[in-house]
Amino acid sequence: MSSSSLTTFRFDEKMTKTIEDLKSATHASSKADVVKRAIALYQIIQEAQQRGDRVLVRAPAEAGGQPNDTELK
């Protein structure tokens, strides 16, 4: 059986708007769900980097060009 604890965060107006925008864009069930997903993704990235893996975000190629990769560090 898993247990949970209540943790409260205080975000500034800009971060609150970002979380609300992400909630809407991803159809998340709550702002807490957005934060949980972000933490899960951050953990995946951190574990990959600890293994020595490169973590890339690939943007689609524009009109016959090469894809644009951004490495997360």
C-alpha atoms as a PDB file:
ATOM      1  CA  MET A   1       0.000   0.000   0.000  1.00  0.00           C
ATOM      2  CA  SER A   2       1.432   3.371  -0.905  1.00  0.00           C
ATOM      3  CA  SER A   3       1.131   6.438   1.226  1.00  0.00           C
ATOM      4  CA  SER A   4       1.189  10.068   0.271  1.00  0.00           C
ATOM      5  CA  SER A   5       1.955  13.293   2.015  1.00  0.00           C
ATOM      6  CA  LEU A   6       0.694  16.797   1.490  1.00  0.00           C
ATOM      7  CA  THR A   7       3.312  19.334   0.435  1.00  0.00           C
ATOM      8  CA  THR A   8       2.551  22.965  -0.274  1.00  0.00           C
ATOM      9  CA  PHE A   9       4.480  25.091  -2.762  1.00  0.00           C
ATOM     10  CA  ARG A  10       4.253  28.811  -3.358  1.00  0.00           C
ATOM     11  CA  PHE A  11       4.762  29.855  -6.993  1.00  0.00           C
ATOM     12  CA  ASP A  12       5.063  33.347  -8.366  1.00  0.00           C
ATOM     13  CA  GLU A  13       2.511  34.617 -10.875  1.00  0.00           C
ATOM     14  CA  LYS A  14       4.590  33.696 -13.935  1.00  0.00           C
ATOM     15  CA  MET A  15       5.161  30.099 -12.798  1.00  0.00           C
ATOM     16  CA  THR A  16       1.500  29.726 -11.843  1.00  0.00           C
ATOM     17  CA  LYS A  17       0.489  30.828 -15.354  1.00  0.00           C
ATOM     18  CA  THR A  18       2.983  28.395 -16.876  1.00  0.00           C
ATOM     19  CA  ILE A  19       1.549  25.528 -14.820  1.00  0.00           C
ATOM     20  CA  GLU A  20      -2.007  26.515 -15.765  1.00  0.00           C
ATOM     21  CA  ASP A  21      -1.045  26.752 -19.457  1.00  0.00           C
ATOM     22  CA  LEU A  22       0.572  23.306 -19.298  1.00  0.00           C
ATOM     23  CA  LYS A  23      -2.487  21.884 -17.555  1.00  0.00           C
ATOM     24  CA  SER A  24      -4.666  23.128 -20.384  1.00  0.00           C
ATOM     25  CA  ALA A  25      -2.286  22.109 -23.194  1.00  0.00           C
ATOM     26  CA  THR A  26      -1.742  18.590 -21.846  1.00  0.00           C
ATOM     27  CA  HIS A  27      -5.277  18.025 -20.576  1.00  0.00           C
ATOM     28  CA  ALA A  28      -3.836  17.222 -17.155  1.00  0.00           C
ATOM     29  CA  SER A  29      -6.409  16.612 -14.462  1.00  0.00           C
ATOM     30  CA  SER A  30      -4.910  19.167 -12.079  1.00  0.00           C
ATOM     31  CA  LYS A  31      -2.026  21.550 -11.505  1.00  0.00           C
ATOM     32  CA  ALA A  32      -0.621  18.972  -9.096  1.00  0.00           C
ATOM     33  CA  ASP A  33      -0.620  16.453 -11.965  1.00  0.00           C
ATOM     34  CA  VAL A  34       1.448  18.885 -14.075  1.00  0.00           C
ATOM     35  CA  VAL A  35       3.987  19.222 -11.262  1.00  0.00           C
ATOM     36  CA  LYS A  36       4.113  15.423 -10.753  1.00  0.00           C
ATOM     37  CA  ARG A  37       4.690  14.844 -14.468  1.00  0.00           C
ATOM     38  CA  ALA A  38       7.431  17.483 -14.512  1.00  0.00           C
ATOM     39  CA  ILE A  39       9.192  15.850 -11.568  1.00  0.00           C
ATOM     40  CA  ALA A  40       8.928  12.414 -13.197  1.00  0.00           C
ATOM     41  CA  LEU A  41      10.417  13.764 -16.424  1.00  0.00           C
ATOM     42  CA  TYR A  42      13.190  15.529 -14.504  1.00  0.00           C
ATOM     43  CA  GLN A  43      14.017  12.248 -12.763  1.00  0.00           C
ATOM     44  CA  ILE A  44      14.233  10.394 -16.103  1.00  0.00           C
ATOM     45  CA  ILE A  45      16.563  13.081 -17.481  1.00  0.00           C
ATOM     46  CA  GLN A  46      18.710  13.060 -14.334  1.00  0.00           C
ATOM     47  CA  GLU A  47      19.057   9.262 -14.366  1.00  0.00           C
ATOM     48  CA  ALA A  48      20.009   9.270 -18.054  1.00  0.00           C
ATOM     49  CA  GLN A  49      22.641  11.944 -17.487  1.00  0.00           C
ATOM     50  CA  GLN A  50      24.048  10.042 -14.505  1.00  0.00           C
ATOM     51  CA  ARG A  51      24.526   7.034 -16.825  1.00  0.00           C
ATOM     52  CA  GLY A  52      26.422   9.306 -19.209  1.00  0.00           C
ATOM     53  CA  ASP A  53      23.615   9.409 -21.786  1.00  0.00           C
ATOM     54  CA  ARG A  54      22.951  12.512 -23.833  1.00  0.00           C
ATOM     55  CA  VAL A  55      19.393  13.837 -23.607  1.00  0.00           C
ATOM     56  CA  LEU A  56      18.176  15.628 -26.717  1.00  0.00           C
ATOM     57  CA  VAL A  57      15.036  17.446 -27.762  1.00  0.00           C
ATOM     58  CA  ARG A  58      14.593  17.174 -31.518  1.00  0.00           C
ATOM     59  CA  ALA A  59      12.625  19.771 -33.452  1.00  0.00           C
ATOM     60  CA  PRO A  60      11.366  18.761 -36.889  1.00  0.00           C
ATOM     61  CA  ALA A  61      13.413  19.710 -39.916  1.00  0.00           C
ATOM     62  CA  GLU A  62      12.257  22.735 -41.838  1.00  0.00           C
ATOM     63  CA  ALA A  63      11.759  22.452 -45.625  1.00  0.00           C
ATOM     64  CA  GLY A  64      14.399  19.893 -46.476  1.00  0.00           C
ATOM     65  CA  GLY A  65      16.820  20.900 -43.738  1.00  0.00           C
ATOM     66  CA  GLN A  66      18.216  18.892 -40.886  1.00  0.00           C
ATOM     67  CA  PRO A  67      16.339  18.413 -37.626  1.00  0.00           C
ATOM     68  CA  ASN A  68      17.297  20.884 -34.913  1.00  0.00           C
ATOM     69  CA  ASP A  69      18.586  19.094 -31.793  1.00  0.00           C
ATOM     70  CA  THR A  70      18.923  20.798 -28.426  1.00  0.00           C
ATOM     71  CA  GLU A  71      20.904  18.968 -25.754  1.00  0.00           C
ATOM     72  CA  LEU A  72      19.610  19.199 -22.202  1.00  0.00           C
ATOM     73  CA  LYS A  73      22.403  19.740 -19.688  1.00  0.00           C
END
